[in-house]
């Protein structure tokens, strides 16, 4: 929300889930870092 308020300020929980559960989410290293 801080880095990109226009995109994330009013996001639904379903959209949050889509972001966090994306296997190609930025920064994710499976079983090592930011593995949401």
ModelCIF file with pLDDT and N, C-alpha, C, O atoms, coordinates in Angstrom:
data_MODEL
#
_entry.id   MODEL 
#
_entity.id                         1 
_entity.type                       polymer 
_entity.pdbx_number_of_molecules   1 
#
_entity_poly.entity_id                      1 
_entity_poly.type                           'polypeptide(L)' 
_entity_poly.nstd_linkage                   no 
_entity_poly.nstd_monomer                   no 
_entity_poly.pdbx_seq_one_letter_code       
;(UNK)(UNK)(UNK)(UNK)(UNK)(UNK)(UNK)(UNK)(UNK)(UNK)(UNK)(UNK)(UNK)(UNK)(UNK)(UNK)
(UNK)(UNK)(UNK)(UNK)(UNK)(UNK)(UNK)(UNK)(UNK)(UNK)(UNK)(UNK)(UNK)(UNK)(UNK)(UNK)
(UNK)(UNK)(UNK)(UNK)
;
_entity_poly.pdbx_seq_one_letter_code_can   XXXXXXXXXXXXXXXXXXXXXXXXXXXXXXXXXXXX 
_entity_poly.pdbx_strand_id                 A 
#
loop_
_entity_poly_seq.entity_id 
_entity_poly_seq.num 
_entity_poly_seq.mon_id 
_entity_poly_seq.hetero 
1 1  UNK n 
1 2  UNK n 
1 3  UNK n 
1 4  UNK n 
1 5  UNK n 
1 6  UNK n 
1 7  UNK n 
1 8  UNK n 
1 9  UNK n 
1 10 UNK n 
1 11 UNK n 
1 12 UNK n 
1 13 UNK n 
1 14 UNK n 
1 15 UNK n 
1 16 UNK n 
1 17 UNK n 
1 18 UNK n 
1 19 UNK n 
1 20 UNK n 
1 21 UNK n 
1 22 UNK n 
1 23 UNK n 
1 24 UNK n 
1 25 UNK n 
1 26 UNK n 
1 27 UNK n 
1 28 UNK n 
1 29 UNK n 
1 30 UNK n 
1 31 UNK n 
1 32 UNK n 
1 33 UNK n 
1 34 UNK n 
1 35 UNK n 
1 36 UNK n 
#
_struct_asym.id          A 
_struct_asym.entity_id   1 
#
loop_
_ma_qa_metric.id 
_ma_qa_metric.mode 
_ma_qa_metric.name 
_ma_qa_metric.software_group_id 
_ma_qa_metric.type 
1 global pLDDT . pLDDT 
2 local  pLDDT . pLDDT 
#
_ma_qa_metric_global.metric_id      1 
_ma_qa_metric_global.metric_value   95.19 
_ma_qa_metric_global.model_id       1 
_ma_qa_metric_global.ordinal_id     1 
#
loop_
_ma_qa_metric_local.label_asym_id 
_ma_qa_metric_local.label_comp_id 
_ma_qa_metric_local.label_seq_id 
_ma_qa_metric_local.metric_id 
_ma_qa_metric_local.metric_value 
_ma_qa_metric_local.model_id 
_ma_qa_metric_local.ordinal_id 
A UNK 1  2 96.00 1 1  
A UNK 2  2 95.00 1 2  
A UNK 3  2 92.00 1 3  
A UNK 4  2 94.00 1 4  
A UNK 5  2 95.00 1 5  
A UNK 6  2 94.00 1 6  
A UNK 7  2 94.00 1 7  
A UNK 8  2 96.00 1 8  
A UNK 9  2 94.00 1 9  
A UNK 10 2 94.00 1 10 
A UNK 11 2 94.00 1 11 
A UNK 12 2 97.00 1 12 
A UNK 13 2 96.00 1 13 
A UNK 14 2 97.00 1 14 
A UNK 15 2 96.00 1 15 
A UNK 16 2 97.00 1 16 
A UNK 17 2 97.00 1 17 
A UNK 18 2 97.00 1 18 
A UNK 19 2 96.00 1 19 
A UNK 20 2 97.00 1 20 
A UNK 21 2 97.00 1 21 
A UNK 22 2 96.00 1 22 
A UNK 23 2 95.00 1 23 
A UNK 24 2 94.00 1 24 
A UNK 25 2 94.00 1 25 
A UNK 26 2 90.00 1 26 
A UNK 27 2 91.00 1 27 
A UNK 28 2 95.00 1 28 
A UNK 29 2 95.00 1 29 
A UNK 30 2 96.00 1 30 
A UNK 31 2 95.00 1 31 
A UNK 32 2 95.00 1 32 
A UNK 33 2 95.00 1 33 
A UNK 34 2 96.00 1 34 
A UNK 35 2 97.00 1 35 
A UNK 36 2 98.00 1 36 
#
loop_
_atom_site.group_PDB 
_atom_site.id 
_atom_site.type_symbol 
_atom_site.label_atom_id 
_atom_site.label_alt_id 
_atom_site.label_comp_id 
_atom_site.label_asym_id 
_atom_site.label_entity_id 
_atom_site.label_seq_id 
_atom_site.pdbx_PDB_ins_code 
_atom_site.Cartn_x 
_atom_site.Cartn_y 
_atom_site.Cartn_z 
_atom_site.occupancy 
_atom_site.B_iso_or_equiv 
_atom_site.pdbx_formal_charge 
_atom_site.auth_seq_id 
_atom_site.auth_comp_id 
_atom_site.auth_asym_id 
_atom_site.auth_atom_id 
_atom_site.pdbx_PDB_model_num 
ATOM 1   N N  . UNK A 1 1  ? 0.842   -1.205  0.000  1.00 96.00 ? 1  UNK A N  1 
ATOM 2   C CA . UNK A 1 1  ? 0.000   0.000   0.000  1.00 96.00 ? 1  UNK A CA 1 
ATOM 3   C C  . UNK A 1 1  ? 0.871   1.246   0.000  1.00 96.00 ? 1  UNK A C  1 
ATOM 4   O O  . UNK A 1 1  ? 0.564   2.223   -0.683 1.00 96.00 ? 1  UNK A O  1 
ATOM 5   N N  . UNK A 1 2  ? 1.957   1.213   0.765  1.00 95.00 ? 2  UNK A N  1 
ATOM 6   C CA . UNK A 1 2  ? 2.844   2.378   0.819  1.00 95.00 ? 2  UNK A CA 1 
ATOM 7   C C  . UNK A 1 2  ? 3.556   2.604   -0.516 1.00 95.00 ? 2  UNK A C  1 
ATOM 8   O O  . UNK A 1 2  ? 3.626   3.734   -0.997 1.00 95.00 ? 2  UNK A O  1 
ATOM 9   N N  . UNK A 1 3  ? 4.082   1.536   -1.113 1.00 92.00 ? 3  UNK A N  1 
ATOM 10  C CA . UNK A 1 3  ? 4.856   1.674   -2.342 1.00 92.00 ? 3  UNK A CA 1 
ATOM 11  C C  . UNK A 1 3  ? 3.984   1.932   -3.561 1.00 92.00 ? 3  UNK A C  1 
ATOM 12  O O  . UNK A 1 3  ? 4.422   2.580   -4.511 1.00 92.00 ? 3  UNK A O  1 
ATOM 13  N N  . UNK A 1 4  ? 2.751   1.430   -3.541 1.00 94.00 ? 4  UNK A N  1 
ATOM 14  C CA . UNK A 1 4  ? 1.877   1.586   -4.705 1.00 94.00 ? 4  UNK A CA 1 
ATOM 15  C C  . UNK A 1 4  ? 0.429   1.779   -4.238 1.00 94.00 ? 4  UNK A C  1 
ATOM 16  O O  . UNK A 1 4  ? -0.406  0.893   -4.420 1.00 94.00 ? 4  UNK A O  1 
ATOM 17  N N  . UNK A 1 5  ? 0.133   2.936   -3.636 1.00 95.00 ? 5  UNK A N  1 
ATOM 18  C CA . UNK A 1 5  ? -1.194  3.144   -3.032 1.00 95.00 ? 5  UNK A CA 1 
ATOM 19  C C  . UNK A 1 5  ? -2.336  3.078   -4.042 1.00 95.00 ? 5  UNK A C  1 
ATOM 20  O O  . UNK A 1 5  ? -3.416  2.592   -3.704 1.00 95.00 ? 5  UNK A O  1 
ATOM 21  N N  . UNK A 1 6  ? -2.135  3.547   -5.260 1.00 94.00 ? 6  UNK A N  1 
ATOM 22  C CA . UNK A 1 6  ? -3.220  3.535   -6.247 1.00 94.00 ? 6  UNK A CA 1 
ATOM 23  C C  . UNK A 1 6  ? -3.697  2.123   -6.536 1.00 94.00 ? 6  UNK A C  1 
ATOM 24  O O  . UNK A 1 6  ? -4.889  1.886   -6.735 1.00 94.00 ? 6  UNK A O  1 
ATOM 25  N N  . UNK A 1 7  ? -2.757  1.186   -6.557 1.00 94.00 ? 7  UNK A N  1 
ATOM 26  C CA . UNK A 1 7  ? -3.118  -0.190  -6.896 1.00 94.00 ? 7  UNK A CA 1 
ATOM 27  C C  . UNK A 1 7  ? -3.632  -0.982  -5.704 1.00 94.00 ? 7  UNK A C  1 
ATOM 28  O O  . UNK A 1 7  ? -4.472  -1.867  -5.866 1.00 94.00 ? 7  UNK A O  1 
ATOM 29  N N  . UNK A 1 8  ? -3.135  -0.673  -4.501 1.00 96.00 ? 8  UNK A N  1 
ATOM 30  C CA . UNK A 1 8  ? -3.407  -1.561  -3.372 1.00 96.00 ? 8  UNK A CA 1 
ATOM 31  C C  . UNK A 1 8  ? -4.237  -0.959  -2.237 1.00 96.00 ? 8  UNK A C  1 
ATOM 32  O O  . UNK A 1 8  ? -4.588  -1.675  -1.299 1.00 96.00 ? 8  UNK A O  1 
ATOM 33  N N  . UNK A 1 9  ? -4.559  0.327   -2.296 1.00 94.00 ? 9  UNK A N  1 
ATOM 34  C CA . UNK A 1 9  ? -5.232  0.967   -1.174 1.00 94.00 ? 9  UNK A CA 1 
ATOM 35  C C  . UNK A 1 9  ? -6.573  0.319   -0.833 1.00 94.00 ? 9  UNK A C  1 
ATOM 36  O O  . UNK A 1 9  ? -6.918  0.185   0.341  1.00 94.00 ? 9  UNK A O  1 
ATOM 37  N N  . UNK A 1 10 ? -7.327  -0.081  -1.852 1.00 94.00 ? 10 UNK A N  1 
ATOM 38  C CA . UNK A 1 10 ? -8.683  -0.610  -1.610 1.00 94.00 ? 10 UNK A CA 1 
ATOM 39  C C  . UNK A 1 10 ? -8.861  -2.010  -2.170 1.00 94.00 ? 10 UNK A C  1 
ATOM 40  O O  . UNK A 1 10 ? -9.922  -2.348  -2.694 1.00 94.00 ? 10 UNK A O  1 
ATOM 41  N N  . UNK A 1 11 ? -7.837  -2.809  -2.061 1.00 94.00 ? 11 UNK A N  1 
ATOM 42  C CA . UNK A 1 11 ? -7.871  -4.150  -2.632 1.00 94.00 ? 11 UNK A CA 1 
ATOM 43  C C  . UNK A 1 11 ? -8.709  -5.095  -1.758 1.00 94.00 ? 11 UNK A C  1 
ATOM 44  O O  . UNK A 1 11 ? -8.629  -5.040  -0.531 1.00 94.00 ? 11 UNK A O  1 
ATOM 45  N N  . UNK A 1 12 ? -9.497  -5.945  -2.383 1.00 97.00 ? 12 UNK A N  1 
ATOM 46  C CA . UNK A 1 12 ? -10.286 -6.945  -1.658 1.00 97.00 ? 12 UNK A CA 1 
ATOM 47  C C  . UNK A 1 12 ? -9.385  -8.072  -1.174 1.00 97.00 ? 12 UNK A C  1 
ATOM 48  O O  . UNK A 1 12 ? -8.275  -8.249  -1.675 1.00 97.00 ? 12 UNK A O  1 
ATOM 49  N N  . UNK A 1 13 ? -9.871  -8.834  -0.193 1.00 96.00 ? 13 UNK A N  1 
ATOM 50  C CA . UNK A 1 13 ? -9.076  -9.944  0.323  1.00 96.00 ? 13 UNK A CA 1 
ATOM 51  C C  . UNK A 1 13 ? -8.820  -10.984 -0.762 1.00 96.00 ? 13 UNK A C  1 
ATOM 52  O O  . UNK A 1 13 ? -7.785  -11.651 -0.760 1.00 96.00 ? 13 UNK A O  1 
ATOM 53  N N  . UNK A 1 14 ? -9.761  -11.117 -1.682 1.00 97.00 ? 14 UNK A N  1 
ATOM 54  C CA . UNK A 1 14 ? -9.567  -12.060 -2.785 1.00 97.00 ? 14 UNK A CA 1 
ATOM 55  C C  . UNK A 1 14 ? -8.385  -11.631 -3.657 1.00 97.00 ? 14 UNK A C  1 
ATOM 56  O O  . UNK A 1 14 ? -7.616  -12.470 -4.125 1.00 97.00 ? 14 UNK A O  1 
ATOM 57  N N  . UNK A 1 15 ? -8.246  -10.321 -3.871 1.00 96.00 ? 15 UNK A N  1 
ATOM 58  C CA . UNK A 1 15 ? -7.116  -9.804  -4.651 1.00 96.00 ? 15 UNK A CA 1 
ATOM 59  C C  . UNK A 1 15 ? -5.807  -9.973  -3.885 1.00 96.00 ? 15 UNK A C  1 
ATOM 60  O O  . UNK A 1 15 ? -4.769  -10.288 -4.468 1.00 96.00 ? 15 UNK A O  1 
ATOM 61  N N  . UNK A 1 16 ? -5.871  -9.758  -2.565 1.00 97.00 ? 16 UNK A N  1 
ATOM 62  C CA . UNK A 1 16 ? -4.671  -9.982  -1.762 1.00 97.00 ? 16 UNK A CA 1 
ATOM 63  C C  . UNK A 1 16 ? -4.242  -11.444 -1.872 1.00 97.00 ? 16 UNK A C  1 
ATOM 64  O O  . UNK A 1 16 ? -3.059  -11.736 -2.045 1.00 97.00 ? 16 UNK A O  1 
ATOM 65  N N  . UNK A 1 17 ? -5.195  -12.350 -1.772 1.00 97.00 ? 17 UNK A N  1 
ATOM 66  C CA . UNK A 1 17 ? -4.882  -13.773 -1.877 1.00 97.00 ? 17 UNK A CA 1 
ATOM 67  C C  . UNK A 1 17 ? -4.236  -14.087 -3.220 1.00 97.00 ? 17 UNK A C  1 
ATOM 68  O O  . UNK A 1 17 ? -3.272  -14.850 -3.294 1.00 97.00 ? 17 UNK A O  1 
ATOM 69  N N  . UNK A 1 18 ? -4.775  -13.494 -4.278 1.00 97.00 ? 18 UNK A N  1 
ATOM 70  C CA . UNK A 1 18 ? -4.224  -13.699 -5.614 1.00 97.00 ? 18 UNK A CA 1 
ATOM 71  C C  . UNK A 1 18 ? -2.767  -13.230 -5.675 1.00 97.00 ? 18 UNK A C  1 
ATOM 72  O O  . UNK A 1 18 ? -1.918  -13.887 -6.277 1.00 97.00 ? 18 UNK A O  1 
ATOM 73  N N  . UNK A 1 19 ? -2.489  -12.076 -5.039 1.00 96.00 ? 19 UNK A N  1 
ATOM 74  C CA . UNK A 1 19 ? -1.126  -11.546 -5.022 1.00 96.00 ? 19 UNK A CA 1 
ATOM 75  C C  . UNK A 1 19 ? -0.197  -12.477 -4.249 1.00 96.00 ? 19 UNK A C  1 
ATOM 76  O O  . UNK A 1 19 ? 0.862   -12.863 -4.745 1.00 96.00 ? 19 UNK A O  1 
ATOM 77  N N  . UNK A 1 20 ? -0.598  -12.834 -3.035 1.00 97.00 ? 20 UNK A N  1 
ATOM 78  C CA . UNK A 1 20 ? 0.291   -13.609 -2.172 1.00 97.00 ? 20 UNK A CA 1 
ATOM 79  C C  . UNK A 1 20 ? 0.490   -15.043 -2.664 1.00 97.00 ? 20 UNK A C  1 
ATOM 80  O O  . UNK A 1 20 ? 1.558   -15.623 -2.465 1.00 97.00 ? 20 UNK A O  1 
ATOM 81  N N  . UNK A 1 21 ? -0.517  -15.611 -3.296 1.00 97.00 ? 21 UNK A N  1 
ATOM 82  C CA . UNK A 1 21 ? -0.429  -17.006 -3.718 1.00 97.00 ? 21 UNK A CA 1 
ATOM 83  C C  . UNK A 1 21 ? 0.126   -17.177 -5.129 1.00 97.00 ? 21 UNK A C  1 
ATOM 84  O O  . UNK A 1 21 ? 0.201   -18.295 -5.637 1.00 97.00 ? 21 UNK A O  1 
ATOM 85  N N  . UNK A 1 22 ? 0.510   -16.082 -5.754 1.00 96.00 ? 22 UNK A N  1 
ATOM 86  C CA . UNK A 1 22 ? 1.120   -16.154 -7.087 1.00 96.00 ? 22 UNK A CA 1 
ATOM 87  C C  . UNK A 1 22 ? 2.500   -16.801 -6.971 1.00 96.00 ? 22 UNK A C  1 
ATOM 88  O O  . UNK A 1 22 ? 3.374   -16.243 -6.308 1.00 96.00 ? 22 UNK A O  1 
ATOM 89  N N  . UNK A 1 23 ? 2.723   -17.966 -7.597 1.00 95.00 ? 23 UNK A N  1 
ATOM 90  C CA . UNK A 1 23 ? 4.020   -18.641 -7.457 1.00 95.00 ? 23 UNK A CA 1 
ATOM 91  C C  . UNK A 1 23 ? 5.175   -17.833 -8.042 1.00 95.00 ? 23 UNK A C  1 
ATOM 92  O O  . UNK A 1 23 ? 6.335   -18.068 -7.704 1.00 95.00 ? 23 UNK A O  1 
ATOM 93  N N  . UNK A 1 24 ? 4.858   -16.879 -8.922 1.00 94.00 ? 24 UNK A N  1 
ATOM 94  C CA . UNK A 1 24 ? 5.897   -16.032 -9.520 1.00 94.00 ? 24 UNK A CA 1 
ATOM 95  C C  . UNK A 1 24 ? 5.918   -14.641 -8.886 1.00 94.00 ? 24 UNK A C  1 
ATOM 96  O O  . UNK A 1 24 ? 6.429   -13.686 -9.471 1.00 94.00 ? 24 UNK A O  1 
ATOM 97  N N  . UNK A 1 25 ? 5.356   -14.544 -7.687 1.00 94.00 ? 25 UNK A N  1 
ATOM 98  C CA . UNK A 1 25 ? 5.331   -13.263 -6.984 1.00 94.00 ? 25 UNK A CA 1 
ATOM 99  C C  . UNK A 1 25 ? 6.736   -12.692 -6.834 1.00 94.00 ? 25 UNK A C  1 
ATOM 100 O O  . UNK A 1 25 ? 7.681   -13.430 -6.552 1.00 94.00 ? 25 UNK A O  1 
ATOM 101 N N  . UNK A 1 26 ? 6.875   -11.398 -7.019 1.00 90.00 ? 26 UNK A N  1 
ATOM 102 C CA . UNK A 1 26 ? 8.179   -10.740 -6.938 1.00 90.00 ? 26 UNK A CA 1 
ATOM 103 C C  . UNK A 1 26 ? 8.875   -11.038 -5.618 1.00 90.00 ? 26 UNK A C  1 
ATOM 104 O O  . UNK A 1 26 ? 8.302   -10.869 -4.542 1.00 90.00 ? 26 UNK A O  1 
ATOM 105 N N  . UNK A 1 27 ? 10.113  -11.482 -5.722 1.00 91.00 ? 27 UNK A N  1 
ATOM 106 C CA . UNK A 1 27 ? 10.915  -11.719 -4.526 1.00 91.00 ? 27 UNK A CA 1 
ATOM 107 C C  . UNK A 1 27 ? 10.817  -13.109 -3.951 1.00 91.00 ? 27 UNK A C  1 
ATOM 108 O O  . UNK A 1 27 ? 11.618  -13.467 -3.087 1.00 91.00 ? 27 UNK A O  1 
ATOM 109 N N  . UNK A 1 28 ? 9.854   -13.919 -4.403 1.00 95.00 ? 28 UNK A N  1 
ATOM 110 C CA . UNK A 1 28 ? 9.682   -15.239 -3.815 1.00 95.00 ? 28 UNK A CA 1 
ATOM 111 C C  . UNK A 1 28 ? 10.806  -16.183 -4.228 1.00 95.00 ? 28 UNK A C  1 
ATOM 112 O O  . UNK A 1 28 ? 11.134  -16.300 -5.409 1.00 95.00 ? 28 UNK A O  1 
ATOM 113 N N  . UNK A 1 29 ? 11.385  -16.847 -3.246 1.00 95.00 ? 29 UNK A N  1 
ATOM 114 C CA . UNK A 1 29 ? 12.272  -17.981 -3.477 1.00 95.00 ? 29 UNK A CA 1 
ATOM 115 C C  . UNK A 1 29 ? 11.661  -19.144 -2.706 1.00 95.00 ? 29 UNK A C  1 
ATOM 116 O O  . UNK A 1 29 ? 11.575  -19.094 -1.479 1.00 95.00 ? 29 UNK A O  1 
ATOM 117 N N  . UNK A 1 30 ? 11.246  -20.166 -3.396 1.00 96.00 ? 30 UNK A N  1 
ATOM 118 C CA . UNK A 1 30 ? 10.489  -21.258 -2.790 1.00 96.00 ? 30 UNK A CA 1 
ATOM 119 C C  . UNK A 1 30 ? 11.208  -21.836 -1.576 1.00 96.00 ? 30 UNK A C  1 
ATOM 120 O O  . UNK A 1 30 ? 12.363  -22.253 -1.659 1.00 96.00 ? 30 UNK A O  1 
ATOM 121 N N  . UNK A 1 31 ? 10.497  -21.851 -0.442 1.00 95.00 ? 31 UNK A N  1 
ATOM 122 C CA . UNK A 1 31 ? 11.038  -22.426 0.770  1.00 95.00 ? 31 UNK A CA 1 
ATOM 123 C C  . UNK A 1 31 ? 12.236  -21.697 1.336  1.00 95.00 ? 31 UNK A C  1 
ATOM 124 O O  . UNK A 1 31 ? 13.014  -22.268 2.101  1.00 95.00 ? 31 UNK A O  1 
ATOM 125 N N  . UNK A 1 32 ? 12.392  -20.415 0.958  1.00 95.00 ? 32 UNK A N  1 
ATOM 126 C CA . UNK A 1 32 ? 13.604  -19.702 1.367  1.00 95.00 ? 32 UNK A CA 1 
ATOM 127 C C  . UNK A 1 32 ? 13.358  -18.236 1.696  1.00 95.00 ? 32 UNK A C  1 
ATOM 128 O O  . UNK A 1 32 ? 13.911  -17.724 2.669  1.00 95.00 ? 32 UNK A O  1 
ATOM 129 N N  . UNK A 1 33 ? 12.540  -17.555 0.904  1.00 95.00 ? 33 UNK A N  1 
ATOM 130 C CA . UNK A 1 33 ? 12.296  -16.134 1.153  1.00 95.00 ? 33 UNK A CA 1 
ATOM 131 C C  . UNK A 1 33 ? 10.949  -15.723 0.569  1.00 95.00 ? 33 UNK A C  1 
ATOM 132 O O  . UNK A 1 33 ? 10.607  -16.086 -0.557 1.00 95.00 ? 33 UNK A O  1 
ATOM 133 N N  . UNK A 1 34 ? 10.197  -14.965 1.350  1.00 96.00 ? 34 UNK A N  1 
ATOM 134 C CA . UNK A 1 34 ? 8.899   -14.448 0.919  1.00 96.00 ? 34 UNK A CA 1 
ATOM 135 C C  . UNK A 1 34 ? 8.030   -15.524 0.268  1.00 96.00 ? 34 UNK A C  1 
ATOM 136 O O  . UNK A 1 34 ? 7.354   -15.267 -0.728 1.00 96.00 ? 34 UNK A O  1 
ATOM 137 N N  . UNK A 1 35 ? 8.055   -16.711 0.829  1.00 97.00 ? 35 UNK A N  1 
ATOM 138 C CA . UNK A 1 35 ? 7.252   -17.793 0.265  1.00 97.00 ? 35 UNK A CA 1 
ATOM 139 C C  . UNK A 1 35 ? 5.858   -17.751 0.886  1.00 97.00 ? 35 UNK A C  1 
ATOM 140 O O  . UNK A 1 35 ? 5.545   -18.486 1.823  1.00 97.00 ? 35 UNK A O  1 
ATOM 141 N N  . UNK A 1 36 ? 5.040   -16.871 0.331  1.00 98.00 ? 36 UNK A N  1 
ATOM 142 C CA . UNK A 1 36 ? 3.683   -16.713 0.852  1.00 98.00 ? 36 UNK A CA 1 
ATOM 143 C C  . UNK A 1 36 ? 2.791   -17.899 0.522  1.00 98.00 ? 36 UNK A C  1 
ATOM 144 O O  . UNK A 1 36 ? 1.618   -17.912 0.895  1.00 98.00 ? 36 UNK A O  1 
#
